[in-house]
Amino acid sequence: MRRRTRSLIGTVTMLAFVIVYAPLAMALADSRISQTPAPVQAVLYAILGIAWIIPLMPLIRWMQRPDPDA
C-alpha cells in the first residue's frame, strides 16, 4: 500500500476516533472530574487531553512508513 493511501486511511480513522473519544472524555470530565479539587482537576484534564495520542501512535507509525518500492 502506498504511503498516500495509508495517510488517507489513517486520517479518516483518527478523525473517527477523536469524534468518539472527545464526547466520552467530556462526559467523564463533567460527571466525575468536576467534583475533585482544582489541582487534581488540572492533572486529570491534562491526562485526558493527551490520552487520545497513546492508542493512535501505532496508526501514526504505520502511516509514516516509507513506500515498499522506495
N, C-alpha and C. Protein backbone atom coordinates (compact mmCIF):
# COMPACT_ATOMS: atom_id res chain seq x y z
N MET A 1 0.85 -1.18 0.00
CA MET A 1 0.00 0.00 0.00
C MET A 1 0.90 1.24 0.00
N ARG A 2 0.53 2.19 -0.81
CA ARG A 2 1.33 3.41 -0.89
C ARG A 2 1.11 4.28 0.34
N ARG A 3 2.10 5.09 0.61
CA ARG A 3 2.07 5.97 1.79
C ARG A 3 0.88 6.93 1.71
N ARG A 4 0.59 7.39 0.52
CA ARG A 4 -0.52 8.32 0.35
C ARG A 4 -1.86 7.68 0.74
N THR A 5 -2.05 6.43 0.36
CA THR A 5 -3.27 5.70 0.73
C THR A 5 -3.33 5.46 2.23
N ARG A 6 -2.17 5.06 2.80
CA ARG A 6 -2.14 4.87 4.26
C ARG A 6 -2.46 6.16 4.99
N SER A 7 -1.97 7.28 4.48
CA SER A 7 -2.25 8.57 5.13
C SER A 7 -3.74 8.89 5.09
N LEU A 8 -4.38 8.61 3.97
CA LEU A 8 -5.83 8.85 3.86
C LEU A 8 -6.60 7.98 4.85
N ILE A 9 -6.29 6.68 4.86
CA ILE A 9 -6.96 5.76 5.77
C ILE A 9 -6.70 6.15 7.22
N GLY A 10 -5.46 6.49 7.54
CA GLY A 10 -5.11 6.88 8.90
C GLY A 10 -5.79 8.15 9.34
N THR A 11 -5.88 9.12 8.44
CA THR A 11 -6.53 10.38 8.77
C THR A 11 -8.01 10.18 9.07
N VAL A 12 -8.68 9.40 8.24
CA VAL A 12 -10.10 9.12 8.46
C VAL A 12 -10.30 8.36 9.77
N THR A 13 -9.42 7.40 10.03
CA THR A 13 -9.50 6.63 11.28
C THR A 13 -9.27 7.52 12.50
N MET A 14 -8.28 8.41 12.42
CA MET A 14 -8.03 9.32 13.55
C MET A 14 -9.21 10.24 13.79
N LEU A 15 -9.78 10.77 12.73
CA LEU A 15 -10.95 11.64 12.89
C LEU A 15 -12.10 10.89 13.54
N ALA A 16 -12.35 9.65 13.10
CA ALA A 16 -13.42 8.85 13.69
C ALA A 16 -13.14 8.59 15.17
N PHE A 17 -11.89 8.28 15.50
CA PHE A 17 -11.53 8.02 16.89
C PHE A 17 -11.75 9.26 17.76
N VAL A 18 -11.31 10.41 17.28
CA VAL A 18 -11.45 11.64 18.06
C VAL A 18 -12.92 12.03 18.19
N ILE A 19 -13.73 11.77 17.16
CA ILE A 19 -15.16 12.07 17.23
C ILE A 19 -15.82 11.22 18.32
N VAL A 20 -15.34 10.02 18.53
CA VAL A 20 -15.89 9.16 19.59
C VAL A 20 -15.25 9.52 20.94
N TYR A 21 -13.93 9.74 20.96
CA TYR A 21 -13.21 9.97 22.21
C TYR A 21 -13.61 11.30 22.87
N ALA A 22 -13.73 12.34 22.09
CA ALA A 22 -13.99 13.67 22.67
C ALA A 22 -15.27 13.72 23.51
N PRO A 23 -16.41 13.24 23.00
CA PRO A 23 -17.61 13.27 23.85
C PRO A 23 -17.49 12.38 25.09
N LEU A 24 -16.79 11.25 24.95
CA LEU A 24 -16.60 10.40 26.13
C LEU A 24 -15.74 11.10 27.18
N ALA A 25 -14.68 11.75 26.75
CA ALA A 25 -13.82 12.47 27.69
C ALA A 25 -14.58 13.64 28.32
N MET A 26 -15.38 14.33 27.52
CA MET A 26 -16.17 15.44 28.08
C MET A 26 -17.20 14.95 29.09
N ALA A 27 -17.83 13.82 28.80
CA ALA A 27 -18.81 13.26 29.73
C ALA A 27 -18.13 12.85 31.04
N LEU A 28 -16.97 12.23 30.92
CA LEU A 28 -16.23 11.84 32.12
C LEU A 28 -15.82 13.07 32.93
N ALA A 29 -15.34 14.08 32.24
CA ALA A 29 -14.92 15.30 32.93
C ALA A 29 -16.11 15.98 33.61
N ASP A 30 -17.24 16.00 32.94
CA ASP A 30 -18.42 16.68 33.50
C ASP A 30 -18.99 15.92 34.69
N SER A 31 -18.95 14.60 34.63
CA SER A 31 -19.60 13.83 35.68
C SER A 31 -18.71 13.56 36.89
N ARG A 32 -17.44 13.30 36.67
CA ARG A 32 -16.56 12.88 37.77
C ARG A 32 -15.51 13.91 38.16
N ILE A 33 -14.85 14.46 37.17
CA ILE A 33 -13.70 15.32 37.45
C ILE A 33 -14.14 16.64 38.08
N SER A 34 -15.30 17.13 37.73
CA SER A 34 -15.74 18.43 38.26
C SER A 34 -15.94 18.40 39.77
N GLN A 35 -16.01 17.21 40.36
CA GLN A 35 -16.23 17.10 41.80
C GLN A 35 -14.92 16.98 42.59
N THR A 36 -13.79 17.03 41.92
CA THR A 36 -12.50 16.88 42.60
C THR A 36 -11.88 18.25 42.86
N PRO A 37 -10.88 18.32 43.71
CA PRO A 37 -10.19 19.59 43.97
C PRO A 37 -9.50 20.12 42.70
N ALA A 38 -9.27 21.41 42.65
CA ALA A 38 -8.72 22.07 41.46
C ALA A 38 -7.37 21.50 41.01
N PRO A 39 -6.41 21.24 41.91
CA PRO A 39 -5.14 20.68 41.42
C PRO A 39 -5.31 19.30 40.77
N VAL A 40 -6.19 18.50 41.34
CA VAL A 40 -6.46 17.18 40.77
C VAL A 40 -7.14 17.34 39.41
N GLN A 41 -8.05 18.29 39.31
CA GLN A 41 -8.72 18.56 38.03
C GLN A 41 -7.70 18.91 36.96
N ALA A 42 -6.75 19.74 37.29
CA ALA A 42 -5.74 20.16 36.30
C ALA A 42 -4.97 18.95 35.77
N VAL A 43 -4.57 18.06 36.67
CA VAL A 43 -3.83 16.87 36.26
C VAL A 43 -4.71 15.96 35.40
N LEU A 44 -5.93 15.76 35.84
CA LEU A 44 -6.82 14.87 35.09
C LEU A 44 -7.18 15.43 33.72
N TYR A 45 -7.39 16.74 33.63
CA TYR A 45 -7.66 17.35 32.32
C TYR A 45 -6.46 17.21 31.40
N ALA A 46 -5.27 17.35 31.94
CA ALA A 46 -4.06 17.17 31.13
C ALA A 46 -3.95 15.73 30.63
N ILE A 47 -4.26 14.78 31.49
CA ILE A 47 -4.21 13.37 31.10
C ILE A 47 -5.24 13.09 30.01
N LEU A 48 -6.47 13.57 30.20
CA LEU A 48 -7.50 13.37 29.18
C LEU A 48 -7.14 14.06 27.87
N GLY A 49 -6.45 15.18 27.99
CA GLY A 49 -6.09 15.92 26.79
C GLY A 49 -5.06 15.23 25.93
N ILE A 50 -4.18 14.43 26.53
CA ILE A 50 -3.17 13.75 25.73
C ILE A 50 -3.39 12.24 25.63
N ALA A 51 -4.38 11.71 26.32
CA ALA A 51 -4.61 10.27 26.34
C ALA A 51 -5.01 9.72 24.98
N TRP A 52 -5.59 10.52 24.13
CA TRP A 52 -6.01 10.03 22.81
C TRP A 52 -4.82 9.70 21.92
N ILE A 53 -3.65 10.25 22.24
CA ILE A 53 -2.48 10.02 21.41
C ILE A 53 -1.96 8.59 21.57
N ILE A 54 -2.03 8.05 22.75
CA ILE A 54 -1.45 6.74 23.05
C ILE A 54 -2.03 5.63 22.16
N PRO A 55 -3.35 5.49 22.04
CA PRO A 55 -3.86 4.42 21.16
C PRO A 55 -3.63 4.70 19.68
N LEU A 56 -3.39 5.95 19.31
CA LEU A 56 -3.19 6.27 17.90
C LEU A 56 -1.73 6.21 17.46
N MET A 57 -0.79 6.05 18.37
CA MET A 57 0.62 6.01 17.98
C MET A 57 0.95 4.88 17.00
N PRO A 58 0.45 3.66 17.18
CA PRO A 58 0.74 2.63 16.17
C PRO A 58 0.19 3.01 14.79
N LEU A 59 -0.96 3.63 14.76
CA LEU A 59 -1.54 4.07 13.49
C LEU A 59 -0.67 5.14 12.84
N ILE A 60 -0.17 6.07 13.62
CA ILE A 60 0.69 7.13 13.08
C ILE A 60 1.99 6.54 12.56
N ARG A 61 2.57 5.58 13.29
CA ARG A 61 3.79 4.93 12.81
C ARG A 61 3.53 4.19 11.50
N TRP A 62 2.39 3.51 11.41
CA TRP A 62 2.03 2.80 10.18
C TRP A 62 1.87 3.76 9.01
N MET A 63 1.26 4.91 9.28
CA MET A 63 1.07 5.91 8.22
C MET A 63 2.39 6.45 7.71
N GLN A 64 3.38 6.56 8.57
CA GLN A 64 4.65 7.21 8.21
C GLN A 64 5.68 6.26 7.61
N ARG A 65 5.37 4.97 7.54
CA ARG A 65 6.32 4.02 6.93
C ARG A 65 6.58 4.42 5.48
N PRO A 66 7.80 4.22 5.02
CA PRO A 66 8.10 4.53 3.61
C PRO A 66 7.42 3.51 2.69
N ASP A 67 7.22 3.91 1.46
CA ASP A 67 6.65 3.01 0.46
C ASP A 67 7.57 1.81 0.27
N PRO A 68 7.01 0.62 0.02
CA PRO A 68 7.85 -0.57 -0.14
C PRO A 68 8.79 -0.50 -1.34
N ASP A 69 8.43 0.22 -2.37
CA ASP A 69 9.28 0.29 -3.56
C ASP A 69 10.31 1.41 -3.51
N ALA A 70 10.29 2.21 -2.43
CA ALA A 70 11.20 3.36 -2.35
C ALA A 70 12.53 3.00 -1.75
